[in-house]
Amino acid sequence: MPKPLRIIAFPGAPNLPLFAAIKQGYFEQEGLQVALTTTPSSVYQIQAFHAGEFDIAFTACDNIVAYREGQGAAKLEGEVDFRVLMGATQVELSVIVDKSIAEARDLKGKSLALDAVGTGFAFVCYEMLAQLGLDMSEYERVAVGATPERWQSVKEGKHVGTITIEPFTSIAKAAGYRVLRQSTEAFPVYQGGIVAGKQAWIAENGESVRAFIKGYLRGLEWTLAPENRAAAAQLLQAEMPEIKPGVVDAVMNSLLSPRSGLTPKGAILRDGMKTVLDLRSRYGKGGVALSDIDKYLDLSHYDAVIAKL
């Protein structure tokens, strides 16, 4: 009987290796029955993950840092024992704005839709706009939710801009919205998405953790194989119907790019994690300089799987 494994992830193109591993039966072959849920916001994801409603979270690297440091957007009861199990993607984040916004200074006095105002992706937004000469005090920051909700709020005119990931960046560009800046322009490397578990659960479920990593890496390998690009694009469109034929190539290009996309072999990018810690040190509410990357990691099961490949 396959072991059930409950996964929660943000909606977006970076879930393609998960879609592939489920579709190709890789998790089943490792003895797992995977159920994937997408989250409406980072707060919901972290609260449900902490409460034990999910076993594994595909989340922003900064979320693990934030809640381990007591700086998260939501208050969690008891010990917070989140650990990064492996890497997932750099995630190309884009500041997209209404057609009426020609440059960063046009955002003065206007509102931007964010997931939550104190998350790592929000920090990336603040830093990108600061690089364009706009201080975060000069615009309103509104917590709206995950990318689909933020994008919808911009389309409805509730906010003049937001920060997006694929496929929503390409969808916005195709609709005539402007990209002011992208994270790949602002940072040499950024550890965007990671795979996380709770330390107590990891300790009790090592076999399932390793089985999951094996299945995911097979899905990742399938996704990155050039000969599978057409099939991968078709699978992505089937799982995310909002991706229209006219933008799927741009989405796949970003997803498969070594600068903005999925991380080969699910490796942790230590320089990218340093960027995450630097941004939280600068914009986080703790006022503490963070530098200990290994504090947030448990790569023991990942390393064991990689050693046998």
Protein backbone atom coordinates (compact mmCIF):
# COMPACT_ATOMS: atom_id res chain seq x y z
CA MET A 1 0.00 0.00 0.00
CA PRO A 2 1.57 3.36 -1.02
CA LYS A 3 2.33 5.75 1.82
CA PRO A 4 0.33 9.01 1.62
CA LEU A 5 2.33 12.21 1.34
CA ARG A 6 0.64 15.60 1.54
CA ILE A 7 2.33 18.48 -0.29
CA ILE A 8 1.42 22.16 -0.32
CA ALA A 9 2.92 24.53 -2.89
CA PHE A 10 2.40 27.96 -4.39
CA PRO A 11 0.58 27.96 -7.73
CA GLY A 12 3.03 28.49 -10.57
CA ALA A 13 5.12 27.03 -13.35
CA PRO A 14 7.89 25.87 -10.93
CA ASN A 15 5.55 23.03 -9.93
CA LEU A 16 6.16 21.36 -13.30
CA PRO A 17 8.60 18.70 -11.94
CA LEU A 18 5.93 17.78 -9.37
CA PHE A 19 3.30 17.52 -12.09
CA ALA A 20 5.70 15.36 -14.11
CA ALA A 21 6.59 13.05 -11.22
CA ILE A 22 2.90 12.51 -10.47
CA LYS A 23 1.93 12.06 -14.13
CA GLN A 24 4.82 9.71 -14.94
CA GLY A 25 4.18 7.60 -11.84
CA TYR A 26 7.60 8.26 -10.32
CA PHE A 27 6.24 8.77 -6.80
CA GLU A 28 4.13 5.61 -7.01
CA GLN A 29 7.20 3.68 -8.11
CA GLU A 30 8.88 4.90 -4.91
CA GLY A 31 5.95 3.70 -2.81
CA LEU A 32 4.27 7.07 -2.30
CA GLN A 33 0.76 8.36 -2.94
CA VAL A 34 1.22 12.09 -3.36
CA ALA A 35 -1.57 14.63 -2.91
CA LEU A 36 -0.71 18.16 -4.08
CA THR A 37 -2.55 21.24 -2.81
CA THR A 38 -1.85 24.83 -3.90
CA THR A 39 -2.06 27.60 -1.34
CA PRO A 40 -3.95 30.91 -1.57
CA SER A 41 -1.26 32.72 0.44
CA SER A 42 2.02 32.22 2.27
CA VAL A 43 0.31 32.74 5.63
CA TYR A 44 -2.19 29.95 4.97
CA GLN A 45 0.57 27.67 3.74
CA ILE A 46 2.81 28.15 6.74
CA GLN A 47 -0.02 27.89 9.29
CA ALA A 48 -1.32 24.65 7.76
CA PHE A 49 2.20 23.25 7.38
CA HIS A 50 3.07 24.06 10.99
CA ALA A 51 -0.21 22.51 12.19
CA GLY A 52 0.70 19.21 10.53
CA GLU A 53 -1.93 19.37 7.78
CA PHE A 54 0.84 18.90 5.21
CA ASP A 55 4.06 16.90 5.31
CA ILE A 56 6.15 18.81 2.76
CA ALA A 57 6.00 22.42 1.62
CA PHE A 58 7.31 23.90 -1.60
CA THR A 59 7.79 27.44 -0.37
CA ALA A 60 10.05 30.45 -0.48
CA CYS A 61 13.42 29.96 1.18
CA ASP A 62 12.85 33.16 3.12
CA ASN A 63 9.69 31.74 4.73
CA ILE A 64 11.80 29.14 6.50
CA VAL A 65 14.26 31.78 7.66
CA ALA A 66 11.53 34.20 8.73
CA TYR A 67 9.59 31.76 10.90
CA ARG A 68 12.71 30.21 12.40
CA GLU A 69 13.75 33.75 13.41
CA GLY A 70 10.33 34.67 14.80
CA GLN A 71 9.77 37.22 12.04
CA GLY A 72 6.97 35.49 10.13
CA ALA A 73 3.76 37.21 9.03
CA ALA A 74 1.65 34.92 11.25
CA LYS A 75 2.11 33.94 14.88
CA LEU A 76 2.78 30.21 15.30
CA GLU A 77 2.27 28.37 18.57
CA GLY A 78 5.02 26.12 19.92
CA GLU A 79 8.41 25.31 18.46
CA VAL A 80 8.98 26.17 14.82
CA ASP A 81 11.22 23.41 13.46
CA PHE A 82 11.09 23.95 9.69
CA ARG A 83 14.11 22.72 7.72
CA VAL A 84 15.10 23.02 4.06
CA LEU A 85 15.38 19.55 2.53
CA MET A 86 16.57 20.55 -0.95
CA GLY A 87 16.46 23.34 -3.49
CA ALA A 88 13.82 23.82 -6.17
CA THR A 89 14.20 27.01 -8.19
CA GLN A 90 15.78 30.43 -8.29
CA VAL A 91 12.37 31.90 -9.21
CA GLU A 92 12.42 34.91 -11.50
CA LEU A 93 10.40 37.62 -9.76
CA SER A 94 9.10 40.53 -11.80
CA VAL A 95 7.61 43.87 -10.82
CA ILE A 96 4.71 44.22 -13.26
CA VAL A 97 2.69 47.43 -13.41
CA ASP A 98 -0.37 48.93 -15.08
CA LYS A 99 0.00 50.42 -18.54
CA SER A 100 -0.28 53.89 -17.00
CA ILE A 101 3.04 53.44 -15.13
CA ALA A 102 6.02 54.38 -17.30
CA GLU A 103 8.76 54.25 -14.65
CA ALA A 104 9.29 53.57 -10.95
CA ARG A 105 8.67 57.15 -9.81
CA ASP A 106 5.13 56.94 -11.25
CA LEU A 107 4.34 54.53 -8.39
CA LYS A 108 4.61 57.29 -5.77
CA GLY A 109 1.45 57.41 -3.68
CA LYS A 110 -0.01 54.32 -5.35
CA SER A 111 -0.51 50.77 -4.07
CA LEU A 112 1.19 47.48 -4.90
CA ALA A 113 -0.36 44.07 -4.24
CA LEU A 114 1.88 41.70 -2.26
CA ASP A 115 1.48 38.28 -0.71
CA ALA A 116 2.38 39.65 2.73
CA VAL A 117 4.42 42.78 3.34
CA GLY A 118 7.16 41.03 5.32
CA THR A 119 8.03 38.07 3.06
CA GLY A 120 11.22 37.46 1.13
CA PHE A 121 9.53 38.02 -2.21
CA ALA A 122 8.22 41.36 -0.92
CA PHE A 123 11.80 42.21 0.11
CA VAL A 124 12.93 41.43 -3.45
CA CYS A 125 10.27 43.86 -4.69
CA TYR A 126 11.41 46.59 -2.27
CA GLU A 127 15.03 46.14 -3.28
CA MET A 128 14.31 46.18 -7.00
CA LEU A 129 12.31 49.40 -6.67
CA ALA A 130 15.03 50.89 -4.45
CA GLN A 131 17.54 50.15 -7.21
CA LEU A 132 15.25 52.17 -9.48
CA GLY A 133 15.32 55.08 -7.01
CA LEU A 134 12.00 54.50 -5.21
CA ASP A 135 11.98 54.12 -1.42
CA MET A 136 9.46 51.71 0.10
CA SER A 137 7.93 54.59 2.08
CA GLU A 138 6.81 56.22 -1.17
CA TYR A 139 4.18 53.63 -2.14
CA GLU A 140 1.51 51.64 -0.33
CA ARG A 141 2.11 47.94 0.27
CA VAL A 142 -1.04 45.80 0.54
CA ALA A 143 -1.23 42.11 1.51
CA VAL A 144 -3.44 40.36 -1.05
CA GLY A 145 -2.29 36.73 -1.33
CA ALA A 146 -0.59 34.38 -3.79
CA THR A 147 0.23 35.36 -7.36
CA PRO A 148 -3.17 34.55 -8.95
CA GLU A 149 -4.96 36.73 -6.40
CA ARG A 150 -2.43 39.56 -6.80
CA TRP A 151 -2.58 39.46 -10.57
CA GLN A 152 -6.38 39.49 -10.48
CA SER A 153 -6.35 42.55 -8.21
CA VAL A 154 -4.16 44.41 -10.71
CA LYS A 155 -6.39 43.44 -13.64
CA GLU A 156 -9.39 44.73 -11.69
CA GLY A 157 -7.63 48.06 -11.08
CA LYS A 158 -7.48 47.69 -7.30
CA HIS A 159 -3.69 48.10 -7.38
CA VAL A 160 -1.34 49.47 -10.02
CA GLY A 161 1.21 46.68 -9.77
CA THR A 162 2.47 43.54 -8.10
CA ILE A 163 5.31 41.03 -8.12
CA THR A 164 4.86 37.92 -10.23
CA ILE A 165 6.39 34.57 -11.10
CA GLU A 166 5.80 32.53 -14.24
CA PRO A 167 3.44 31.96 -15.89
CA PHE A 168 1.83 35.16 -14.62
CA THR A 169 4.72 37.37 -15.77
CA SER A 170 4.37 36.24 -19.37
CA ILE A 171 0.57 36.43 -19.15
CA ALA A 172 0.83 40.03 -17.90
CA LYS A 173 3.30 41.02 -20.60
CA ALA A 174 1.09 39.51 -23.30
CA ALA A 175 -1.80 41.60 -21.92
CA GLY A 176 0.24 44.80 -22.33
CA TYR A 177 1.42 45.30 -18.74
CA ARG A 178 4.93 46.63 -18.19
CA VAL A 179 7.81 44.88 -16.38
CA LEU A 180 9.81 47.48 -14.42
CA ARG A 181 12.52 45.13 -13.19
CA GLN A 182 13.27 41.44 -12.71
CA SER A 183 15.19 39.67 -9.96
CA THR A 184 17.64 38.24 -12.49
CA GLU A 185 18.67 41.83 -13.24
CA ALA A 186 18.91 42.77 -9.57
CA PHE A 187 20.81 39.79 -8.09
CA PRO A 188 23.50 37.46 -9.44
CA VAL A 189 21.75 34.50 -7.77
CA TYR A 190 18.68 34.13 -5.54
CA GLN A 191 17.45 31.02 -3.73
CA GLY A 192 13.76 31.46 -4.38
CA GLY A 193 11.93 28.16 -3.98
CA ILE A 194 12.90 25.27 -1.74
CA VAL A 195 11.43 22.04 -0.38
CA ALA A 196 10.88 21.98 3.38
CA GLY A 197 9.81 19.62 6.12
CA LYS A 198 9.39 19.82 9.89
CA GLN A 199 12.37 18.42 11.75
CA ALA A 200 10.29 16.09 13.96
CA TRP A 201 8.44 14.71 10.94
CA ILE A 202 11.68 14.31 9.00
CA ALA A 203 13.23 12.33 11.86
CA GLU A 204 10.27 9.93 11.96
CA ASN A 205 9.82 9.57 8.19
CA GLY A 206 13.28 9.34 6.70
CA GLU A 207 12.28 6.60 4.25
CA SER A 208 9.40 8.68 2.90
CA VAL A 209 11.64 11.75 2.64
CA ARG A 210 14.20 9.87 0.57
CA ALA A 211 11.48 8.28 -1.58
CA PHE A 212 10.02 11.72 -2.22
CA ILE A 213 13.40 13.19 -3.16
CA LYS A 214 14.03 10.30 -5.57
CA GLY A 215 10.64 10.74 -7.23
CA TYR A 216 10.95 14.50 -7.46
CA LEU A 217 14.46 14.35 -8.94
CA ARG A 218 13.20 11.96 -11.61
CA GLY A 219 10.40 14.43 -12.40
CA LEU A 220 12.95 17.24 -12.52
CA GLU A 221 15.26 15.28 -14.81
CA TRP A 222 12.33 14.55 -17.14
CA THR A 223 11.34 18.22 -17.17
CA LEU A 224 14.85 19.45 -17.96
CA ALA A 225 15.52 16.92 -20.74
CA PRO A 226 15.48 18.84 -24.06
CA GLU A 227 13.68 16.01 -25.83
CA ASN A 228 10.75 16.37 -23.40
CA ARG A 229 10.20 20.10 -23.85
CA ALA A 230 7.08 19.80 -26.01
CA ALA A 231 5.53 17.20 -23.70
CA ALA A 232 6.48 19.27 -20.64
CA ALA A 233 4.85 22.37 -22.11
CA GLN A 234 1.72 20.37 -22.87
CA LEU A 235 1.61 19.02 -19.30
CA LEU A 236 2.07 22.51 -17.86
CA GLN A 237 -0.82 23.85 -19.93
CA ALA A 238 -3.01 20.92 -18.88
CA GLU A 239 -2.32 21.61 -15.20
CA MET A 240 -2.50 25.42 -15.57
CA PRO A 241 -5.11 26.24 -18.24
CA GLU A 242 -4.51 29.98 -17.78
CA ILE A 243 -1.27 29.49 -19.77
CA LYS A 244 -2.31 30.19 -23.34
CA PRO A 245 -0.41 28.90 -26.41
CA GLY A 246 0.94 32.38 -27.13
CA VAL A 247 2.89 32.59 -23.86
CA VAL A 248 3.84 28.98 -23.11
CA ASP A 249 7.21 29.25 -24.90
CA ALA A 250 8.20 32.30 -22.81
CA VAL A 251 7.15 30.49 -19.64
CA MET A 252 9.18 27.42 -20.55
CA ASN A 253 12.22 29.53 -21.48
CA SER A 254 12.20 31.16 -18.04
CA LEU A 255 11.54 27.88 -16.26
CA LEU A 256 14.38 26.06 -18.01
CA SER A 257 16.89 28.92 -17.80
CA PRO A 258 19.87 28.37 -15.46
CA ARG A 259 19.55 32.03 -14.42
CA SER A 260 15.87 32.10 -13.54
CA GLY A 261 14.47 28.61 -13.43
CA LEU A 262 14.56 25.16 -11.94
CA THR A 263 17.74 24.18 -10.13
CA PRO A 264 19.46 21.16 -11.71
CA LYS A 265 19.51 18.19 -9.31
CA GLY A 266 17.53 20.24 -6.78
CA ALA A 267 20.75 21.67 -5.37
CA ILE A 268 20.87 24.39 -2.73
CA LEU A 269 22.50 27.56 -4.05
CA ARG A 270 24.47 28.82 -1.08
CA ASP A 271 25.20 32.18 -2.70
CA GLY A 272 21.48 32.45 -3.37
CA MET A 273 20.72 31.71 0.28
CA LYS A 274 23.18 34.42 1.26
CA THR A 275 21.13 36.85 -0.84
CA VAL A 276 17.99 35.75 1.04
CA LEU A 277 19.68 36.31 4.42
CA ASP A 278 21.11 39.66 3.34
CA LEU A 279 17.67 40.91 2.28
CA ARG A 280 16.04 39.76 5.52
CA SER A 281 18.83 41.37 7.52
CA ARG A 282 18.09 44.63 5.69
CA TYR A 283 14.30 44.61 5.49
CA GLY A 284 13.22 42.19 8.25
CA LYS A 285 11.73 43.43 11.48
CA GLY A 286 14.27 41.68 13.69
CA GLY A 287 17.11 44.11 13.06
CA VAL A 288 19.58 41.21 13.26
CA ALA A 289 22.30 40.40 10.74
CA LEU A 290 21.77 36.83 9.55
CA SER A 291 24.58 34.77 8.05
CA ASP A 292 24.39 31.13 9.25
CA ILE A 293 23.05 29.31 6.19
CA ASP A 294 23.36 25.83 7.69
CA LYS A 295 21.03 26.72 10.56
CA TYR A 296 18.07 26.34 8.23
CA LEU A 297 19.15 23.18 6.39
CA ASP A 298 18.79 19.43 6.79
CA LEU A 299 20.33 18.04 3.62
CA SER A 300 21.18 14.63 5.08
CA HIS A 301 18.47 12.75 3.13
CA TYR A 302 19.14 14.70 -0.06
CA ASP A 303 22.86 13.97 0.19
CA ALA A 304 22.14 10.26 0.77
CA VAL A 305 19.97 10.11 -2.36
CA ILE A 306 22.44 12.06 -4.51
CA ALA A 307 25.31 9.82 -3.38
CA LYS A 308 23.50 6.80 -4.85
CA LEU A 309 22.57 8.37 -8.17
